Amino acid sequence: MQVADRQNLPYRLRYCQEQIDHGLLLPGKDYRDLSLHPTYVLMFCDFDYFGYGWARYVFEMACTCNHQLKLGDQRTVVIFNALAKEFTKDEQPIKNFLALMRSRVDNKSKFIIKIQDEIIKIKQEPERRRGFMKFELDLMDARREEREESKQKLVKFLASQKTAPSEIVVALVNVYQMPEKTAREYVAEHVKTPK
C-alpha cells in the first residue's frame, strides 16, 4: 500500500517485482523455472497516480510498436486507486475495500465486516496492536507530508504566476481550510516578496 504520491510508484513496483523474482529464483536455479510462477504485484494507492480516475490500472509487458504483441513473461502489475468513483462490473468486488481505505465503509459487505473484525482483533492483541499503531502513525506521517508537499506546490505555482500574496492566502484558506492567520504566516514564510 502506498498512501503518499512521492512520484516514485513505477520504481517501487519494479523493486517489488525484483523482490518476488529474487525469492523465486534461488542461486543455481534455471531462469526457466520462472515460467512456473506467474507473478502479480498489487499496489493499493490512496491517490490516483495516473489521473484517469480508473479503479485499477493493469500492466503487462507489451511491444511498443504493436500493443497486441505481449512478451508473455507472466508478470502483471495491478494498481488500485482508492479515489476511484466509477467501477466496471468486474471491479465491483473491490469497490467496498477501496471505500474502506478512504474511511467510507459499507457495513453490509461481508468482506468489509471481516476486515473490520480483523482490525478489532489486531487492536486487542498487544504485539499486533503495536505493529498496527506503527502502521497508523506511518500513515498519518505520510498524509501530513503529502499535504505539506501539496501546499508548497500550490504556493510555489501561484507565486510563479505572480499571484498576489493576499490571493495565495485566500487559496490556502479555501483549499486546505487553514485559518487565515496561519495561511498568512505560511505565505510570509514561503513566498519571497519583491523589495
C-alpha atoms as a PDB file:
ATOM      1  CA  MET A   1       0.000   0.000   0.000  1.00  0.00           C
ATOM      2  CA  GLN A   2       1.228   3.497  -0.763  1.00  0.00           C
ATOM      3  CA  VAL A   3      -0.517   6.458   0.833  1.00  0.00           C
ATOM      4  CA  ALA A   4       1.577   9.377  -0.400  1.00  0.00           C
ATOM      5  CA  ASP A   5       2.291  10.140  -4.028  1.00  0.00           C
ATOM      6  CA  ARG A   6       6.044  10.618  -3.984  1.00  0.00           C
ATOM      7  CA  GLN A   7       6.243  10.333  -7.793  1.00  0.00           C
ATOM      8  CA  ASN A   8       8.102   7.032  -7.445  1.00  0.00           C
ATOM      9  CA  LEU A   9       5.398   4.426  -7.893  1.00  0.00           C
ATOM     10  CA  PRO A  10       6.859   2.754 -11.025  1.00  0.00           C
ATOM     11  CA  TYR A  11      10.211   2.292  -9.272  1.00  0.00           C
ATOM     12  CA  ARG A  12       8.608   0.986  -6.118  1.00  0.00           C
ATOM     13  CA  LEU A  13       6.677  -1.529  -8.229  1.00  0.00           C
ATOM     14  CA  ARG A  14       9.858  -2.524 -10.050  1.00  0.00           C
ATOM     15  CA  TYR A  15      11.531  -3.074  -6.673  1.00  0.00           C
ATOM     16  CA  CYS A  16       8.618  -5.237  -5.519  1.00  0.00           C
ATOM     17  CA  GLN A  17       8.854  -7.295  -8.705  1.00  0.00           C
ATOM     18  CA  GLU A  18      12.605  -7.782  -8.172  1.00  0.00           C
ATOM     19  CA  GLN A  19      11.997  -8.955  -4.610  1.00  0.00           C
ATOM     20  CA  ILE A  20       9.446 -11.500  -5.831  1.00  0.00           C
ATOM     21  CA  ASP A  21      11.705 -12.785  -8.614  1.00  0.00           C
ATOM     22  CA  HIS A  22      14.710 -12.952  -6.288  1.00  0.00           C
ATOM     23  CA  GLY A  23      12.704 -15.095  -3.876  1.00  0.00           C
ATOM     24  CA  LEU A  24      11.516 -17.398  -6.668  1.00  0.00           C
ATOM     25  CA  LEU A  25      14.844 -17.914  -8.410  1.00  0.00           C
ATOM     26  CA  LEU A  26      17.320 -19.268  -5.900  1.00  0.00           C
ATOM     27  CA  PRO A  27      21.047 -19.413  -6.740  1.00  0.00           C
ATOM     28  CA  GLY A  28      21.835 -22.249  -9.136  1.00  0.00           C
ATOM     29  CA  LYS A  29      18.257 -22.500 -10.372  1.00  0.00           C
ATOM     30  CA  ASP A  30      17.433 -22.256 -14.078  1.00  0.00           C
ATOM     31  CA  TYR A  31      15.751 -18.971 -15.121  1.00  0.00           C
ATOM     32  CA  ARG A  32      13.158 -21.055 -16.993  1.00  0.00           C
ATOM     33  CA  ASP A  33      11.781 -22.024 -13.581  1.00  0.00           C
ATOM     34  CA  LEU A  34      10.192 -18.555 -13.556  1.00  0.00           C
ATOM     35  CA  SER A  35       7.685 -19.885 -16.109  1.00  0.00           C
ATOM     36  CA  LEU A  36       6.211 -21.964 -13.277  1.00  0.00           C
ATOM     37  CA  HIS A  37       5.481 -18.842 -11.249  1.00  0.00           C
ATOM     38  CA  PRO A  38       3.292 -16.137 -12.793  1.00  0.00           C
ATOM     39  CA  THR A  39       3.635 -13.029 -10.621  1.00  0.00           C
ATOM     40  CA  TYR A  40       1.240 -10.282  -9.652  1.00  0.00           C
ATOM     41  CA  VAL A  41       2.359  -7.100  -7.956  1.00  0.00           C
ATOM     42  CA  LEU A  42      -0.656  -5.420  -6.353  1.00  0.00           C
ATOM     43  CA  MET A  43      -0.420  -1.865  -5.079  1.00  0.00           C
ATOM     44  CA  PHE A  44      -3.236  -0.133  -3.259  1.00  0.00           C
ATOM     45  CA  CYS A  45      -2.878   3.645  -3.523  1.00  0.00           C
ATOM     46  CA  ASP A  46      -4.619   6.367  -1.572  1.00  0.00           C
ATOM     47  CA  PHE A  47      -4.206   8.589  -4.653  1.00  0.00           C
ATOM     48  CA  ASP A  48      -4.677   8.345  -8.412  1.00  0.00           C
ATOM     49  CA  TYR A  49      -1.110   8.188  -9.745  1.00  0.00           C
ATOM     50  CA  PHE A  50      -2.097   8.295 -13.420  1.00  0.00           C
ATOM     51  CA  GLY A  51      -5.059  10.656 -13.087  1.00  0.00           C
ATOM     52  CA  TYR A  52      -7.576   8.772 -15.246  1.00  0.00           C
ATOM     53  CA  GLY A  53      -9.957   8.064 -12.362  1.00  0.00           C
ATOM     54  CA  TRP A  54      -9.949   4.317 -13.001  1.00  0.00           C
ATOM     55  CA  ALA A  55     -10.379   1.939 -10.072  1.00  0.00           C
ATOM     56  CA  ARG A  56      -7.500  -0.201 -11.314  1.00  0.00           C
ATOM     57  CA  TYR A  57      -4.658   0.036 -13.760  1.00  0.00           C
ATOM     58  CA  VAL A  58      -3.337  -3.284 -15.120  1.00  0.00           C
ATOM     59  CA  PHE A  59       0.058  -3.532 -16.792  1.00  0.00           C
ATOM     60  CA  GLU A  60       1.691  -6.366 -18.700  1.00  0.00           C
ATOM     61  CA  MET A  61       4.773  -6.219 -20.889  1.00  0.00           C
ATOM     62  CA  ALA A  62       3.811  -5.367 -24.490  1.00  0.00           C
ATOM     63  CA  CYS A  63       5.653  -4.300 -27.626  1.00  0.00           C
ATOM     64  CA  THR A  64       5.711  -0.532 -28.161  1.00  0.00           C
ATOM     65  CA  CYS A  65       5.101  -0.954 -31.911  1.00  0.00           C
ATOM     66  CA  ASN A  66       2.196  -3.371 -31.554  1.00  0.00           C
ATOM     67  CA  HIS A  67       0.434  -3.373 -28.184  1.00  0.00           C
ATOM     68  CA  GLN A  68      -1.293  -6.652 -29.075  1.00  0.00           C
ATOM     69  CA  LEU A  69       2.114  -8.383 -29.057  1.00  0.00           C
ATOM     70  CA  LYS A  70       2.723  -9.490 -25.469  1.00  0.00           C
ATOM     71  CA  LEU A  71       6.119 -10.534 -24.113  1.00  0.00           C
ATOM     72  CA  GLY A  72       4.477 -13.412 -22.230  1.00  0.00           C
ATOM     73  CA  ASP A  73       6.771 -13.318 -19.194  1.00  0.00           C
ATOM     74  CA  GLN A  74       3.727 -13.767 -16.927  1.00  0.00           C
ATOM     75  CA  ARG A  75       4.315 -10.564 -14.952  1.00  0.00           C
ATOM     76  CA  THR A  76       1.287  -8.452 -14.122  1.00  0.00           C
ATOM     77  CA  VAL A  77       1.186  -5.218 -12.152  1.00  0.00           C
ATOM     78  CA  VAL A  78      -2.160  -4.015 -10.803  1.00  0.00           C
ATOM     79  CA  ILE A  79      -2.523  -0.604  -9.190  1.00  0.00           C
ATOM     80  CA  PHE A  80      -5.746   0.074  -7.297  1.00  0.00           C
ATOM     81  CA  ASN A  81      -6.916   3.665  -6.911  1.00  0.00           C
ATOM     82  CA  ALA A  82      -8.838   4.381  -3.687  1.00  0.00           C
ATOM     83  CA  LEU A  83     -10.069   7.692  -5.148  1.00  0.00           C
ATOM     84  CA  ALA A  84     -11.993   5.999  -7.981  1.00  0.00           C
ATOM     85  CA  LYS A  85     -15.649   6.944  -8.223  1.00  0.00           C
ATOM     86  CA  GLU A  86     -16.759   4.748 -11.131  1.00  0.00           C
ATOM     87  CA  PHE A  87     -16.322   0.998 -11.309  1.00  0.00           C
ATOM     88  CA  THR A  88     -16.800  -1.509 -14.108  1.00  0.00           C
ATOM     89  CA  LYS A  89     -18.805  -4.659 -13.419  1.00  0.00           C
ATOM     90  CA  ASP A  90     -15.531  -6.580 -12.913  1.00  0.00           C
ATOM     91  CA  GLU A  91     -14.349  -4.031 -10.348  1.00  0.00           C
ATOM     92  CA  GLN A  92     -17.427  -4.147  -8.106  1.00  0.00           C
ATOM     93  CA  PRO A  93     -15.874  -6.696  -5.682  1.00  0.00           C
ATOM     94  CA  ILE A  94     -13.007  -4.308  -4.844  1.00  0.00           C
ATOM     95  CA  LYS A  95     -15.228  -1.218  -4.561  1.00  0.00           C
ATOM     96  CA  ASN A  96     -16.009  -1.674  -0.852  1.00  0.00           C
ATOM     97  CA  PHE A  97     -12.379  -2.315   0.027  1.00  0.00           C
ATOM     98  CA  LEU A  98     -11.269   0.871  -1.739  1.00  0.00           C
ATOM     99  CA  ALA A  99     -14.035   2.745   0.093  1.00  0.00           C
ATOM    100  CA  LEU A 100     -12.719   1.320   3.374  1.00  0.00           C
ATOM    101  CA  MET A 101      -9.290   2.736   2.522  1.00  0.00           C
ATOM    102  CA  ARG A 102     -10.924   6.176   2.299  1.00  0.00           C
ATOM    103  CA  SER A 103     -12.905   5.602   5.535  1.00  0.00           C
ATOM    104  CA  ARG A 104     -16.206   5.302   3.668  1.00  0.00           C
ATOM    105  CA  VAL A 105     -17.448   1.995   4.951  1.00  0.00           C
ATOM    106  CA  ASP A 106     -20.254  -0.203   3.644  1.00  0.00           C
ATOM    107  CA  ASN A 107     -21.258  -2.286   6.672  1.00  0.00           C
ATOM    108  CA  LYS A 108     -23.459  -4.525   4.512  1.00  0.00           C
ATOM    109  CA  SER A 109     -20.468  -6.131   2.806  1.00  0.00           C
ATOM    110  CA  LYS A 110     -19.395  -9.415   4.428  1.00  0.00           C
ATOM    111  CA  PHE A 111     -15.871  -8.849   3.152  1.00  0.00           C
ATOM    112  CA  ILE A 112     -15.622  -5.415   4.796  1.00  0.00           C
ATOM    113  CA  ILE A 113     -17.161  -6.714   8.032  1.00  0.00           C
ATOM    114  CA  LYS A 114     -14.490  -9.453   8.071  1.00  0.00           C
ATOM    115  CA  ILE A 115     -11.725  -6.873   7.576  1.00  0.00           C
ATOM    116  CA  GLN A 116     -13.156  -4.658  10.320  1.00  0.00           C
ATOM    117  CA  ASP A 117     -13.362  -7.660  12.676  1.00  0.00           C
ATOM    118  CA  GLU A 118      -9.702  -8.430  11.951  1.00  0.00           C
ATOM    119  CA  ILE A 119      -8.768  -4.812  12.695  1.00  0.00           C
ATOM    120  CA  ILE A 120     -10.561  -5.078  16.050  1.00  0.00           C
ATOM    121  CA  LYS A 121      -8.619  -8.293  16.840  1.00  0.00           C
ATOM    122  CA  ILE A 122      -5.336  -6.623  15.894  1.00  0.00           C
ATOM    123  CA  LYS A 123      -6.080  -3.696  18.162  1.00  0.00           C
ATOM    124  CA  GLN A 124      -6.843  -6.062  21.078  1.00  0.00           C
ATOM    125  CA  GLU A 125      -3.585  -8.081  20.844  1.00  0.00           C
ATOM    126  CA  PRO A 126      -0.674  -6.078  22.303  1.00  0.00           C
ATOM    127  CA  GLU A 127       2.024  -7.224  19.818  1.00  0.00           C
ATOM    128  CA  ARG A 128      -0.170  -6.894  16.765  1.00  0.00           C
ATOM    129  CA  ARG A 129      -1.566  -3.645  18.099  1.00  0.00           C
ATOM    130  CA  ARG A 130       1.943  -2.143  18.335  1.00  0.00           C
ATOM    131  CA  GLY A 131       2.524  -3.076  14.699  1.00  0.00           C
ATOM    132  CA  PHE A 132      -0.848  -1.656  13.732  1.00  0.00           C
ATOM    133  CA  MET A 133      -0.213   1.554  15.680  1.00  0.00           C
ATOM    134  CA  LYS A 134       3.155   1.978  13.959  1.00  0.00           C
ATOM    135  CA  PHE A 135       1.391   1.488  10.635  1.00  0.00           C
ATOM    136  CA  GLU A 136      -1.236   4.094  11.583  1.00  0.00           C
ATOM    137  CA  LEU A 137       1.490   6.550  12.615  1.00  0.00           C
ATOM    138  CA  ASP A 138       3.371   5.956   9.377  1.00  0.00           C
ATOM    139  CA  LEU A 139       0.115   6.521   7.509  1.00  0.00           C
ATOM    140  CA  MET A 140      -0.551   9.793   9.350  1.00  0.00           C
ATOM    141  CA  ASP A 141       3.023  10.958   8.737  1.00  0.00           C
ATOM    142  CA  ALA A 142       2.748  10.156   5.048  1.00  0.00           C
ATOM    143  CA  ARG A 143      -0.555  12.025   4.737  1.00  0.00           C
ATOM    144  CA  ARG A 144       0.873  15.022   6.616  1.00  0.00           C
ATOM    145  CA  GLU A 145       3.932  15.041   4.337  1.00  0.00           C
ATOM    146  CA  GLU A 146       1.708  14.735   1.273  1.00  0.00           C
ATOM    147  CA  ARG A 147      -0.466  17.627   2.454  1.00  0.00           C
ATOM    148  CA  GLU A 148       2.572  19.805   3.183  1.00  0.00           C
ATOM    149  CA  GLU A 149       4.127  18.972  -0.173  1.00  0.00           C
ATOM    150  CA  SER A 150       0.847  19.787  -1.892  1.00  0.00           C
ATOM    151  CA  LYS A 151       0.616  23.164  -0.105  1.00  0.00           C
ATOM    152  CA  GLN A 152       4.174  24.017  -1.086  1.00  0.00           C
ATOM    153  CA  LYS A 153       3.490  23.135  -4.730  1.00  0.00           C
ATOM    154  CA  LEU A 154       0.362  25.298  -4.776  1.00  0.00           C
ATOM    155  CA  VAL A 155       2.122  28.269  -3.206  1.00  0.00           C
ATOM    156  CA  LYS A 156       5.132  27.908  -5.494  1.00  0.00           C
ATOM    157  CA  PHE A 157       2.912  27.677  -8.571  1.00  0.00           C
ATOM    158  CA  LEU A 158       0.768  30.672  -7.612  1.00  0.00           C
ATOM    159  CA  ALA A 159       3.863  32.727  -6.772  1.00  0.00           C
ATOM    160  CA  SER A 160       5.426  31.797 -10.144  1.00  0.00           C
ATOM    161  CA  GLN A 161       2.255  33.154 -11.798  1.00  0.00           C
ATOM    162  CA  LYS A 162       2.799  36.472  -9.999  1.00  0.00           C
ATOM    163  CA  THR A 163      -0.296  35.930  -7.856  1.00  0.00           C
ATOM    164  CA  ALA A 164      -0.620  38.498  -5.079  1.00  0.00           C
ATOM    165  CA  PRO A 165       0.259  37.112  -1.611  1.00  0.00           C
ATOM    166  CA  SER A 166      -3.238  38.033  -0.375  1.00  0.00           C
ATOM    167  CA  GLU A 167      -4.758  35.856  -3.128  1.00  0.00           C
ATOM    168  CA  ILE A 168      -2.434  32.975  -2.221  1.00  0.00           C
ATOM    169  CA  VAL A 169      -3.680  33.283   1.371  1.00  0.00           C
ATOM    170  CA  VAL A 170      -7.278  33.026   0.109  1.00  0.00           C
ATOM    171  CA  ALA A 171      -6.348  29.925  -1.936  1.00  0.00           C
ATOM    172  CA  LEU A 172      -4.794  28.226   1.113  1.00  0.00           C
ATOM    173  CA  VAL A 173      -7.832  29.049   3.245  1.00  0.00           C
ATOM    174  CA  ASN A 174     -10.217  27.670   0.610  1.00  0.00           C
ATOM    175  CA  VAL A 175      -8.263  24.582  -0.457  1.00  0.00           C
ATOM    176  CA  TYR A 176      -6.790  23.478   2.892  1.00  0.00           C
ATOM    177  CA  GLN A 177      -9.322  25.024   5.298  1.00  0.00           C
ATOM    178  CA  MET A 178      -6.440  26.790   7.057  1.00  0.00           C
ATOM    179  CA  PRO A 179      -7.211  29.627   9.459  1.00  0.00           C
ATOM    180  CA  GLU A 180      -6.468  32.919   7.697  1.00  0.00           C
ATOM    181  CA  LYS A 181      -3.746  33.864  10.205  1.00  0.00           C
ATOM    182  CA  THR A 182      -1.958  30.535   9.669  1.00  0.00           C
ATOM    183  CA  ALA A 183      -2.251  30.940   5.890  1.00  0.00           C
ATOM    184  CA  ARG A 184      -0.772  34.466   6.091  1.00  0.00           C
ATOM    185  CA  GLU A 185       2.145  33.153   8.176  1.00  0.00           C
ATOM    186  CA  TYR A 186       2.647  30.293   5.730  1.00  0.00           C
ATOM    187  CA  VAL A 187       2.727  32.664   2.747  1.00  0.00           C
ATOM    188  CA  ALA A 188       5.120  35.021   4.574  1.00  0.00           C
ATOM    189  CA  GLU A 189       7.438  32.091   5.219  1.00  0.00           C
ATOM    190  CA  HIS A 190       7.281  30.538   1.720  1.00  0.00           C
ATOM    191  CA  VAL A 191       6.840  33.472  -0.676  1.00  0.00           C
ATOM    192  CA  LYS A 192       9.617  35.940  -1.348  1.00  0.00           C
ATOM    193  CA  THR A 193       8.083  39.357  -1.841  1.00  0.00           C
ATOM    194  CA  PRO A 194       9.971  41.885  -4.017  1.00  0.00           C
ATOM    195  CA  LYS A 195      11.528  44.758  -2.087  1.00  0.00           C
END
